[in-house]
Protein backbone atom coordinates (compact mmCIF):
# COMPACT_ATOMS: atom_id res chain seq x y z
CA ASP A 1 -0.15 0.14 0.07
CA GLN A 2 1.62 3.25 -1.28
CA HIS A 3 0.06 5.45 0.48
CA LYS A 4 -0.13 3.67 4.07
CA ILE A 5 0.70 5.62 7.13
CA LEU A 6 3.29 4.00 9.30
CA TYR A 7 3.47 4.56 12.75
CA CYS A 8 6.77 4.20 15.10
CA ALA A 9 6.19 4.53 18.93
CA LEU A 10 9.20 5.12 20.83
CA ASP A 11 8.28 5.48 24.68
CA TYR A 12 11.09 7.99 25.60
CA SER A 13 10.28 8.48 29.24
CA HIS A 14 10.54 4.57 29.52
CA ILE A 15 13.43 4.11 27.97
CA SER A 16 15.23 6.83 30.20
CA LYS A 17 14.23 5.13 33.32
CA HIS A 18 15.64 2.24 32.87
CA ARG A 19 19.44 1.51 33.47
CA ASN A 20 19.77 -1.17 30.50
CA LEU A 21 18.08 0.97 27.93
CA ASN A 22 19.90 3.56 25.85
CA VAL A 23 17.54 6.76 24.58
CA SER A 24 20.41 7.91 22.13
CA SER A 25 20.85 4.56 20.31
CA SER A 26 17.19 4.09 20.77
CA LEU A 27 16.52 7.00 19.03
CA ASN A 28 18.96 6.87 16.36
CA ASP A 29 17.64 3.11 15.40
CA VAL A 30 14.23 4.92 14.99
CA ALA A 31 15.63 7.95 13.05
CA THR A 32 17.93 5.20 11.01
CA TRP A 33 14.50 3.33 10.31
CA SER A 34 12.55 6.39 9.73
CA VAL A 35 14.96 8.10 7.34
CA ASN A 36 15.12 4.87 5.07
CA GLN A 37 11.56 4.61 4.78
CA THR A 38 10.82 8.28 3.77
CA GLY A 39 14.16 9.24 1.95
CA PHE A 40 14.77 12.62 1.44
CA PHE A 41 15.16 15.19 -1.20
CA CYS A 42 18.80 15.98 -2.35
CA SER A 43 19.78 17.48 -5.61
CA TYR A 44 23.43 17.68 -6.79
CA PRO A 45 25.18 20.96 -7.15
CA GLN A 46 24.35 22.31 -10.18
CA TRP A 47 26.54 25.29 -9.98
CA LYS A 48 30.36 26.16 -9.15
CA ILE A 49 32.50 28.88 -7.84
CA VAL A 50 35.69 29.07 -10.04
CA GLU A 51 38.68 31.12 -9.19
CA GLY A 52 37.88 35.04 -8.85
CA GLY A 53 34.40 34.05 -7.35
CA SER A 54 32.43 33.79 -10.47
CA ILE A 55 29.67 31.18 -10.58
CA GLU A 56 29.53 28.92 -13.79
CA PRO A 57 27.03 25.59 -14.27
CA PHE A 58 28.74 22.37 -13.90
CA GLU A 59 28.67 19.66 -16.52
CA THR A 60 25.86 17.95 -17.23
CA ASP A 61 27.43 14.87 -15.28
CA SER A 62 28.37 16.83 -12.39
CA HIS A 63 27.37 13.70 -10.13
CA GLU A 64 30.06 11.73 -11.91
CA HIS A 65 32.56 14.39 -11.32
CA LEU A 66 31.56 14.81 -7.62
CA SER A 67 31.95 10.92 -7.44
CA LYS A 68 35.45 11.03 -8.65
CA ARG A 69 36.61 14.08 -6.52
CA PHE A 70 35.11 12.48 -3.28
CA GLY A 71 35.66 8.71 -3.79
CA VAL A 72 31.81 7.85 -2.95
CA PRO A 73 28.99 7.63 -5.55
CA PHE A 74 27.23 11.12 -5.53
CA PHE A 75 23.47 11.06 -6.68
CA PRO A 76 20.52 13.12 -6.55
CA MET A 77 17.97 11.29 -4.28
CA GLU A 78 14.14 11.39 -4.06
CA GLN A 79 11.90 11.92 -1.21
CA ILE A 80 9.12 9.23 -0.92
CA GLY A 81 7.28 10.10 2.47
CA ILE A 82 7.13 12.80 5.36
CA LEU A 83 8.65 12.23 8.66
CA ARG A 84 6.74 13.57 11.49
CA THR A 85 8.01 13.53 15.18
CA ASN A 86 5.49 14.54 18.49
CA CYS A 87 6.12 14.07 21.87
CA ILE A 88 2.78 14.56 23.85
CA ASP A 89 3.77 16.56 26.83
CA CYS A 90 7.34 17.71 25.90
CA LEU A 91 8.67 20.03 23.02
CA ASP A 92 12.38 19.20 24.47
CA ARG A 93 11.72 16.00 23.55
CA THR A 94 10.09 16.42 20.25
CA ASN A 95 13.12 18.46 19.22
CA VAL A 96 15.63 15.77 20.51
CA ALA A 97 13.76 13.11 18.43
CA GLN A 98 13.59 15.66 15.04
CA PHE A 99 17.74 16.18 15.47
CA SER A 100 18.37 12.62 15.74
CA SER A 101 16.18 12.15 12.08
CA GLY A 102 18.25 15.09 10.63
CA VAL A 103 21.57 14.12 11.62
CA GLU A 104 20.69 10.48 10.26
CA ALA A 105 19.54 12.27 7.01
CA LEU A 106 22.46 14.42 6.95
CA GLY A 107 25.00 11.21 7.39
CA GLN A 108 23.17 9.58 4.60
């Protein structure tokens, strides 16, 4: 079902009260899962700054140029969903969860 809403609950308060559980790793696990489910939009750079400070367009195969330069595959990505975080009683927890998802997306 392409348009199905996926729900993942994480009881932040419960995890933080137990010595054997780690809030940070639990948030990272959920963030990884979430970002992999939704993807994120990332267009490759289409302009470059050259010597003297002027701006010029990259060649049409700029993603291949960047892949060679950085030594890792570089390609535009497509976002196929929306990630929403919410804590029922605490804005700080919501922000921490959103931050974890942002860090995971940037790491990819």
